[in-house]
PDB file of N, CA and C in Angstrom:
ATOM      1  N   ARG A   1      78.722 134.380 110.610  1.00  0.00           N
ATOM      2  CA  ARG A   1      79.393 136.003 110.516  1.00  0.00           C
ATOM      3  C   ARG A   1      79.948 135.587 109.133  1.00  0.00           C
ATOM      4  N   HIS A   2      79.963 134.823 108.426  1.00  0.00           N
ATOM      5  CA  HIS A   2      80.606 134.420 107.027  1.00  0.00           C
ATOM      6  C   HIS A   2      82.132 134.772 106.995  1.00  0.00           C
ATOM      7  N   GLY A   3      82.418 134.160 107.971  1.00  0.00           N
ATOM      8  CA  GLY A   3      84.083 134.188 108.253  1.00  0.00           C
ATOM      9  C   GLY A   3      84.853 132.771 107.120  1.00  0.00           C
ATOM     10  N   HIS A   4      86.124 132.793 107.607  1.00  0.00           N
ATOM     11  CA  HIS A   4      86.744 131.888 107.041  1.00  0.00           C
ATOM     12  C   HIS A   4      87.357 131.238 107.646  1.00  0.00           C
ATOM     13  N   LEU A   5      87.712 130.187 107.858  1.00  0.00           N
ATOM     14  CA  LEU A   5      88.660 129.223 109.004  1.00  0.00           C
ATOM     15  C   LEU A   5      90.060 129.494 108.003  1.00  0.00           C
ATOM     16  N   VAL A   6      91.052 129.818 108.746  1.00  0.00           N
ATOM     17  CA  VAL A   6      92.473 129.804 108.331  1.00  0.00           C
ATOM     18  C   VAL A   6      93.369 128.980 109.322  1.00  0.00           C
ATOM     19  N   VAL A   7      93.848 127.941 108.648  1.00  0.00           N
ATOM     20  CA  VAL A   7      94.828 127.069 109.475  1.00  0.00           C
ATOM     21  C   VAL A   7      96.269 126.661 108.680  1.00  0.00           C
ATOM     22  N   ASP A   8      97.082 126.901 109.838  1.00  0.00           N
ATOM     23  CA  ASP A   8      98.182 126.759 109.619  1.00  0.00           C
ATOM     24  C   ASP A   8      98.773 125.120 109.856  1.00  0.00           C
ATOM     25  N   GLU A   9      98.973 124.626 108.874  1.00  0.00           N
ATOM     26  CA  GLU A   9      99.066 123.328 108.767  1.00  0.00           C
ATOM     27  C   GLU A   9     100.974 123.040 108.453  1.00  0.00           C
ATOM     28  N   ILE A  10     101.432 123.546 108.737  1.00  0.00           N
ATOM     29  CA  ILE A  10     103.065 123.587 108.775  1.00  0.00           C
ATOM     30  C   ILE A  10     103.540 122.598 109.129  1.00  0.00           C
ATOM     31  N   TYR A  11     103.158 122.043 110.301  1.00  0.00           N
ATOM     32  CA  TYR A  11     103.371 120.822 111.305  1.00  0.00           C
ATOM     33  C   TYR A  11     102.421 119.636 110.781  1.00  0.00           C
ATOM     34  N   HIS A  12     101.988 119.836 109.731  1.00  0.00           N
ATOM     35  CA  HIS A  12     101.072 118.658 109.105  1.00  0.00           C
ATOM     36  C   HIS A  12     101.515 117.293 108.852  1.00  0.00           C
ATOM     37  N   GLY A  13     101.382 116.305 108.936  1.00  0.00           N
ATOM     38  CA  GLY A  13     102.089 115.122 108.414  1.00  0.00           C
ATOM     39  C   GLY A  13     103.422 114.551 109.563  1.00  0.00           C
ATOM     40  N   LEU A  14     103.713 115.424 110.322  1.00  0.00           N
ATOM     41  CA  LEU A  14     104.253 115.045 111.621  1.00  0.00           C
ATOM     42  C   LEU A  14     103.606 114.412 112.694  1.00  0.00           C
ATOM     43  N   THR A  15     103.493 113.218 112.458  1.00  0.00           N
ATOM     44  CA  THR A  15     102.632 112.718 113.556  1.00  0.00           C
ATOM     45  C   THR A  15     103.567 111.317 113.804  1.00  0.00           C
ATOM     46  N   TYR A  16     103.119 110.184 114.904  1.00  0.00           N
ATOM     47  CA  TYR A  16     103.530 109.148 115.138  1.00  0.00           C
ATOM     48  C   TYR A  16     102.931 108.072 114.978  1.00  0.00           C
ATOM     49  N   GLY A  17     103.167 107.496 114.060  1.00  0.00           N
ATOM     50  CA  GLY A  17     101.880 105.727 113.961  1.00  0.00           C
ATOM     51  C   GLY A  17     100.673 106.393 113.622  1.00  0.00           C
ATOM     52  N   MET A  18     100.133 107.739 112.850  1.00  0.00           N
ATOM     53  CA  MET A  18      98.928 107.852 112.304  1.00  0.00           C
ATOM     54  C   MET A  18      98.887 109.000 111.372  1.00  0.00           C
ATOM     55  N   ASP A  19      97.789 108.547 110.536  1.00  0.00           N
ATOM     56  CA  ASP A  19      97.686 109.847 109.630  1.00  0.00           C
ATOM     57  C   ASP A  19      97.132 111.342 110.471  1.00  0.00           C
ATOM     58  N   ALA A  20      97.329 112.397 109.812  1.00  0.00           N
ATOM     59  CA  ALA A  20      96.675 113.528 110.305  1.00  0.00           C
ATOM     60  C   ALA A  20      95.859 113.724 109.094  1.00  0.00           C
ATOM     61  N   PRO A  21      94.623 114.189 109.633  1.00  0.00           N
ATOM     62  CA  PRO A  21      93.949 114.655 108.272  1.00  0.00           C
ATOM     63  C   PRO A  21      93.923 116.270 108.264  1.00  0.00           C
ATOM     64  N   SER A  22      93.876 116.793 106.733  1.00  0.00           N
ATOM     65  CA  SER A  22      94.056 118.304 106.777  1.00  0.00           C
ATOM     66  C   SER A  22      92.491 118.889 107.002  1.00  0.00           C
ATOM     67  N   VAL A  23      92.554 120.258 107.537  1.00  0.00           N
ATOM     68  CA  VAL A  23      91.199 120.878 107.546  1.00  0.00           C
ATOM     69  C   VAL A  23      90.408 120.832 106.205  1.00  0.00           C
ATOM     70  N   LEU A  24      90.852 120.567 105.314  1.00  0.00           N
ATOM     71  CA  LEU A  24      90.057 120.462 103.753  1.00  0.00           C
ATOM     72  C   LEU A  24      89.239 119.343 104.037  1.00  0.00           C
ATOM     73  N   GLU A  25      89.425 118.699 104.565  1.00  0.00           N
ATOM     74  CA  GLU A  25      88.403 117.097 104.690  1.00  0.00           C
ATOM     75  C   GLU A  25      87.208 117.151 105.650  1.00  0.00           C
ATOM     76  N   VAL A  26      87.039 118.400 106.173  1.00  0.00           N
ATOM     77  CA  VAL A  26      86.068 118.940 106.989  1.00  0.00           C
ATOM     78  C   VAL A  26      85.543 120.091 106.747  1.00  0.00           C
ATOM     79  N   ASP A  27      86.260 121.305 106.009  1.00  0.00           N
ATOM     80  CA  ASP A  27      85.658 122.406 105.790  1.00  0.00           C
ATOM     81  C   ASP A  27      86.309 122.931 104.223  1.00  0.00           C
ATOM     82  N   ASP A  28      85.734 122.623 102.996  1.00  0.00           N
ATOM     83  CA  ASP A  28      86.055 122.815 101.822  1.00  0.00           C
ATOM     84  C   ASP A  28      86.448 124.445 101.348  1.00  0.00           C
ATOM     85  N   GLU A  29      86.204 125.324 102.405  1.00  0.00           N
ATOM     86  CA  GLU A  29      86.306 126.840 101.928  1.00  0.00           C
ATOM     87  C   GLU A  29      87.235 127.094 103.131  1.00  0.00           C
ATOM     88  N   ALA A  30      87.926 126.370 103.736  1.00  0.00           N
ATOM     89  CA  ALA A  30      89.085 126.954 104.650  1.00  0.00           C
ATOM     90  C   ALA A  30      90.103 127.426 103.731  1.00  0.00           C
ATOM     91  N   PHE A  31      91.100 128.445 104.268  1.00  0.00           N
ATOM     92  CA  PHE A  31      92.347 128.552 103.561  1.00  0.00           C
ATOM     93  C   PHE A  31      93.373 127.898 104.764  1.00  0.00           C
ATOM     94  N   VAL A  32      93.935 127.176 103.916  1.00  0.00           N
ATOM     95  CA  VAL A  32      95.533 126.406 104.672  1.00  0.00           C
ATOM     96  C   VAL A  32      96.578 127.018 103.932  1.00  0.00           C
ATOM     97  N   LEU A  33      97.737 127.539 105.475  1.00  0.00           N
ATOM     98  CA  LEU A  33      98.713 127.667 104.801  1.00  0.00           C
ATOM     99  C   LEU A  33      99.616 126.363 105.070  1.00  0.00           C
ATOM    100  N   ASN A  34     100.748 126.255 104.219  1.00  0.00           N
ATOM    101  CA  ASN A  34     101.584 125.002 104.318  1.00  0.00           C
ATOM    102  C   ASN A  34     103.140 125.392 103.912  1.00  0.00           C
ATOM    103  N   SER A  35     104.037 124.455 104.054  1.00  0.00           N
ATOM    104  CA  SER A  35     105.084 124.997 103.820  1.00  0.00           C
ATOM    105  C   SER A  35     105.683 123.398 103.540  1.00  0.00           C
ATOM    106  N   PHE A  36     107.338 123.863 102.805  1.00  0.00           N
ATOM    107  CA  PHE A  36     108.054 122.266 102.738  1.00  0.00           C
ATOM    108  C   PHE A  36     109.274 122.621 103.512  1.00  0.00           C
ATOM    109  N   SER A  37     109.387 123.420 104.255  1.00  0.00           N
ATOM    110  CA  SER A  37     110.172 123.532 105.463  1.00  0.00           C
ATOM    111  C   SER A  37     109.968 122.332 106.363  1.00  0.00           C
ATOM    112  N   LYS A  38     109.062 122.208 107.134  1.00  0.00           N
ATOM    113  CA  LYS A  38     109.221 120.984 108.085  1.00  0.00           C
ATOM    114  C   LYS A  38     109.120 119.768 107.711  1.00  0.00           C
ATOM    115  N   TYR A  39     108.100 119.440 106.944  1.00  0.00           N
ATOM    116  CA  TYR A  39     107.665 118.193 105.982  1.00  0.00           C
ATOM    117  C   TYR A  39     108.773 117.563 105.214  1.00  0.00           C
ATOM    118  N   PHE A  40     109.162 118.502 104.634  1.00  0.00           N
ATOM    119  CA  PHE A  40     110.348 118.103 103.526  1.00  0.00           C
ATOM    120  C   PHE A  40     111.921 118.201 104.034  1.00  0.00           C
ATOM    121  N   GLY A  41     111.855 118.428 105.120  1.00  0.00           N
ATOM    122  CA  GLY A  41     113.388 119.118 105.697  1.00  0.00           C
ATOM    123  C   GLY A  41     114.028 120.144 105.125  1.00  0.00           C
ATOM    124  N   MET A  42     113.402 120.918 104.606  1.00  0.00           N
ATOM    125  CA  MET A  42     113.765 122.396 104.133  1.00  0.00           C
ATOM    126  C   MET A  42     113.974 123.731 104.589  1.00  0.00           C
ATOM    127  N   THR A  43     114.219 123.598 106.023  1.00  0.00           N
ATOM    128  CA  THR A  43     114.063 124.528 107.045  1.00  0.00           C
ATOM    129  C   THR A  43     114.818 125.674 106.443  1.00  0.00           C
ATOM    130  N   GLY A  44     114.542 126.919 106.706  1.00  0.00           N
ATOM    131  CA  GLY A  44     114.886 127.927 106.006  1.00  0.00           C
ATOM    132  C   GLY A  44     115.042 128.493 104.784  1.00  0.00           C
ATOM    133  N   TRP A  45     114.415 127.851 103.524  1.00  0.00           N
ATOM    134  CA  TRP A  45     114.380 127.677 102.550  1.00  0.00           C
ATOM    135  C   TRP A  45     112.988 129.044 102.189  1.00  0.00           C
ATOM    136  N   ARG A  46     112.267 129.204 103.382  1.00  0.00           N
ATOM    137  CA  ARG A  46     111.036 130.201 102.774  1.00  0.00           C
ATOM    138  C   ARG A  46     110.375 129.862 101.556  1.00  0.00           C
ATOM    139  N   LEU A  47     109.383 128.392 101.584  1.00  0.00           N
ATOM    140  CA  LEU A  47     108.825 128.252 100.191  1.00  0.00           C
ATOM    141  C   LEU A  47     107.917 127.226 100.893  1.00  0.00           C
ATOM    142  N   GLY A  48     106.565 127.819 100.100  1.00  0.00           N
ATOM    143  CA  GLY A  48     105.432 127.364 101.117  1.00  0.00           C
ATOM    144  C   GLY A  48     104.325 127.339  99.723  1.00  0.00           C
ATOM    145  N   TRP A  49     102.900 127.466 100.378  1.00  0.00           N
ATOM    146  CA  TRP A  49     101.763 127.402  99.401  1.00  0.00           C
ATOM    147  C   TRP A  49     100.548 127.743 100.252  1.00  0.00           C
ATOM    148  N   LEU A  50      99.773 128.368  99.863  1.00  0.00           N
ATOM    149  CA  LEU A  50      98.305 128.389 100.231  1.00  0.00           C
ATOM    150  C   LEU A  50      97.186 128.027  99.341  1.00  0.00           C
ATOM    151  N   VAL A  51      96.498 127.377  99.940  1.00  0.00           N
ATOM    152  CA  VAL A  51      95.097 126.777  99.431  1.00  0.00           C
ATOM    153  C   VAL A  51      94.158 127.434  99.758  1.00  0.00           C
ATOM    154  N   ALA A  52      93.405 128.206  98.894  1.00  0.00           N
ATOM    155  CA  ALA A  52      91.981 129.110  99.078  1.00  0.00           C
ATOM    156  C   ALA A  52      91.021 128.563  98.422  1.00  0.00           C
ATOM    157  N   PRO A  53      89.708 128.898  98.971  1.00  0.00           N
ATOM    158  CA  PRO A  53      88.673 128.618  97.899  1.00  0.00           C
ATOM    159  C   PRO A  53      88.703 129.176  96.922  1.00  0.00           C
ATOM    160  N   PRO A  54      87.997 128.624  95.793  1.00  0.00           N
ATOM    161  CA  PRO A  54      87.994 129.222  94.371  1.00  0.00           C
ATOM    162  C   PRO A  54      87.574 130.802  94.455  1.00  0.00           C
ATOM    163  N   GLY A  55      86.787 131.011  95.232  1.00  0.00           N
ATOM    164  CA  GLY A  55      86.069 132.609  94.977  1.00  0.00           C
ATOM    165  C   GLY A  55      86.990 133.336  95.835  1.00  0.00           C
ATOM    166  N   ALA A  56      87.787 132.843  96.495  1.00  0.00           N
ATOM    167  CA  ALA A  56      88.881 134.037  96.849  1.00  0.00           C
ATOM    168  C   ALA A  56      90.246 134.049  96.806  1.00  0.00           C
ATOM    169  N   VAL A  57      90.444 133.153  95.542  1.00  0.00           N
ATOM    170  CA  VAL A  57      91.799 133.366  94.991  1.00  0.00           C
ATOM    171  C   VAL A  57      92.295 134.649  94.831  1.00  0.00           C
ATOM    172  N   ALA A  58      91.702 135.369  94.113  1.00  0.00           N
ATOM    173  CA  ALA A  58      92.030 136.704  93.248  1.00  0.00           C
ATOM    174  C   ALA A  58      92.574 137.203  94.192  1.00  0.00           C
ATOM    175  N   ASP A  59      92.414 137.675  95.366  1.00  0.00           N
ATOM    176  CA  ASP A  59      92.693 138.585  96.408  1.00  0.00           C
ATOM    177  C   ASP A  59      94.339 138.257  97.215  1.00  0.00           C
ATOM    178  N   PRO A  60      94.085 136.798  97.417  1.00  0.00           N
ATOM    179  CA  PRO A  60      95.820 136.569  97.666  1.00  0.00           C
ATOM    180  C   PRO A  60      96.881 136.630  96.519  1.00  0.00           C
ATOM    181  N   GLU A  61      96.027 136.318  95.524  1.00  0.00           N
ATOM    182  CA  GLU A  61      96.862 136.342  94.162  1.00  0.00           C
ATOM    183  C   GLU A  61      97.675 137.578  93.785  1.00  0.00           C
ATOM    184  N   LYS A  62      96.944 138.562  94.018  1.00  0.00           N
ATOM    185  CA  LYS A  62      97.152 140.151  94.107  1.00  0.00           C
ATOM    186  C   LYS A  62      98.221 140.503  95.093  1.00  0.00           C
ATOM    187  N   LEU A  63      97.829 139.885  96.461  1.00  0.00           N
ATOM    188  CA  LEU A  63      98.816 140.200  97.263  1.00  0.00           C
ATOM    189  C   LEU A  63     100.339 139.877  96.959  1.00  0.00           C
ATOM    190  N   ALA A  64     100.264 138.179  96.471  1.00  0.00           N
ATOM    191  CA  ALA A  64     101.531 137.704  96.084  1.00  0.00           C
ATOM    192  C   ALA A  64     102.021 138.447  94.841  1.00  0.00           C
ATOM    193  N   GLN A  65     101.393 138.958  94.027  1.00  0.00           N
ATOM    194  CA  GLN A  65     102.222 139.384  92.923  1.00  0.00           C
ATOM    195  C   GLN A  65     102.925 140.792  93.348  1.00  0.00           C
ATOM    196  N   ASN A  66     102.283 141.550  94.268  1.00  0.00           N
ATOM    197  CA  ASN A  66     102.825 142.447  94.854  1.00  0.00           C
ATOM    198  C   ASN A  66     103.958 142.454  95.869  1.00  0.00           C
ATOM    199  N   LEU A  67     103.617 141.406  96.399  1.00  0.00           N
ATOM    200  CA  LEU A  67     104.610 141.114  97.754  1.00  0.00           C
ATOM    201  C   LEU A  67     106.274 140.223  97.374  1.00  0.00           C
ATOM    202  N   TYR A  68     106.102 139.501  96.597  1.00  0.00           N
ATOM    203  CA  TYR A  68     107.011 138.822  95.984  1.00  0.00           C
ATOM    204  C   TYR A  68     107.372 138.909  94.492  1.00  0.00           C
ATOM    205  N   ILE A  69     108.564 138.463  94.452  1.00  0.00           N
ATOM    206  CA  ILE A  69     108.863 138.366  92.824  1.00  0.00           C
ATOM    207  C   ILE A  69     109.150 136.963  92.669  1.00  0.00           C
ATOM    208  N   SER A  70     109.906 136.239  93.389  1.00  0.00           N
ATOM    209  CA  SER A  70     109.486 134.728  93.018  1.00  0.00           C
ATOM    210  C   SER A  70     111.061 133.897  94.200  1.00  0.00           C
ATOM    211  N   ALA A  71     110.489 132.680  94.422  1.00  0.00           N
ATOM    212  CA  ALA A  71     111.310 132.074  95.382  1.00  0.00           C
ATOM    213  C   ALA A  71     112.644 131.640  94.486  1.00  0.00           C
ATOM    214  N   PRO A  72     113.973 131.814  95.178  1.00  0.00           N
ATOM    215  CA  PRO A  72     114.842 131.336  94.214  1.00  0.00           C
ATOM    216  C   PRO A  72     115.093 130.196  93.580  1.00  0.00           C
ATOM    217  N   SER A  73     115.543 130.003  92.180  1.00  0.00           N
ATOM    218  CA  SER A  73     115.434 128.858  91.405  1.00  0.00           C
ATOM    219  C   SER A  73     116.150 127.603  91.856  1.00  0.00           C
ATOM    220  N   MET A  74     116.856 127.563  92.899  1.00  0.00           N
ATOM    221  CA  MET A  74     117.153 126.114  93.606  1.00  0.00           C
ATOM    222  C   MET A  74     116.226 125.749  94.036  1.00  0.00           C
ATOM    223  N   ALA A  75     115.377 126.905  95.211  1.00  0.00           N
ATOM    224  CA  ALA A  75     114.299 126.102  96.044  1.00  0.00           C
ATOM    225  C   ALA A  75     113.012 125.470  95.277  1.00  0.00           C
ATOM    226  N   GLN A  76     112.930 126.518  94.075  1.00  0.00           N
ATOM    227  CA  GLN A  76     111.729 125.865  93.565  1.00  0.00           C
ATOM    228  C   GLN A  76     112.243 124.304  92.643  1.00  0.00           C
ATOM    229  N   HIS A  77     113.399 124.010  92.331  1.00  0.00           N
ATOM    230  CA  HIS A  77     113.530 122.662  92.045  1.00  0.00           C
ATOM    231  C   HIS A  77     113.823 121.681  93.157  1.00  0.00           C
ATOM    232  N   ALA A  78     114.003 122.007  94.318  1.00  0.00           N
ATOM    233  CA  ALA A  78     114.118 121.227  95.208  1.00  0.00           C
ATOM    234  C   ALA A  78     112.760 121.185  95.568  1.00  0.00           C
ATOM    235  N   ALA A  79     111.684 121.878  95.608  1.00  0.00           N
ATOM    236  CA  ALA A  79     110.397 122.075  96.052  1.00  0.00           C
ATOM    237  C   ALA A  79     109.711 120.711  95.007  1.00  0.00           C
ATOM    238  N   LEU A  80     110.111 120.795  94.009  1.00  0.00           N
ATOM    239  CA  LEU A  80     109.489 119.864  92.754  1.00  0.00           C
ATOM    240  C   LEU A  80     109.944 118.841  92.694  1.00  0.00           C
ATOM    241  N   ALA A  81     111.029 118.525  93.237  1.00  0.00           N
ATOM    242  CA  ALA A  81     111.794 117.061  93.631  1.00  0.00           C
ATOM    243  C   ALA A  81     111.307 116.372  94.897  1.00  0.00           C
ATOM    244  N   CYS A  82     110.365 117.174  95.822  1.00  0.00           N
ATOM    245  CA  CYS A  82     109.898 116.459  96.937  1.00  0.00           C
ATOM    246  C   CYS A  82     108.509 115.365  96.440  1.00  0.00           C
ATOM    247  N   PHE A  83     108.047 116.083  95.294  1.00  0.00           N
ATOM    248  CA  PHE A  83     106.898 115.263  94.825  1.00  0.00           C
ATOM    249  C   PHE A  83     106.931 114.141  94.226  1.00  0.00           C
ATOM    250  N   GLN A  84     108.586 113.812  93.776  1.00  0.00           N
ATOM    251  CA  GLN A  84     108.683 112.810  92.974  1.00  0.00           C
ATOM    252  C   GLN A  84     108.761 111.151  93.908  1.00  0.00           C
ATOM    253  N   PRO A  85     107.978 110.193  93.037  1.00  0.00           N
ATOM    254  CA  PRO A  85     107.854 108.673  94.206  1.00  0.00           C
ATOM    255  C   PRO A  85     108.959 108.653  94.920  1.00  0.00           C
ATOM    256  N   GLN A  86     110.205 108.805  94.607  1.00  0.00           N
ATOM    257  CA  GLN A  86     111.319 108.208  95.227  1.00  0.00           C
ATOM    258  C   GLN A  86     111.641 109.276  96.561  1.00  0.00           C
ATOM    259  N   THR A  87     111.184 110.247  96.610  1.00  0.00           N
ATOM    260  CA  THR A  87     111.236 111.110  98.019  1.00  0.00           C
ATOM    261  C   THR A  87     110.119 110.807  98.577  1.00  0.00           C
ATOM    262  N   LEU A  88     108.859 110.237  98.467  1.00  0.00           N
ATOM    263  CA  LEU A  88     108.053 110.525  99.321  1.00  0.00           C
ATOM    264  C   LEU A  88     108.477 108.838 100.218  1.00  0.00           C
TER     265      LEU A  88
END
C-alpha cells in the first residue's frame, strides 16, 4: 500500500549486555524518531531528531520550519557534547 514504517527509537540503546539494532538496518525507507533524553540522560530537554528517507525529507522539513524556531542554545551545545569520544 506504499506506506512507511515509523519507529520511535527513544529507548534504543538501553539494553542489558547486547546491542539493539536500529530499524534502519532492515528497512532503509523507515522513519526513525529519537531523542537525547533517555540515552544521554537529558530528560526534559526536548531535543531530538528524525531520520527520514531522502525522498521524504522536504515535507518534515517544512513542518519543522513552521512548528519550531530552535532548541535552546544550551541544549544544542549539550547535545553536541554527547557525540564527543569521552562522552560515549
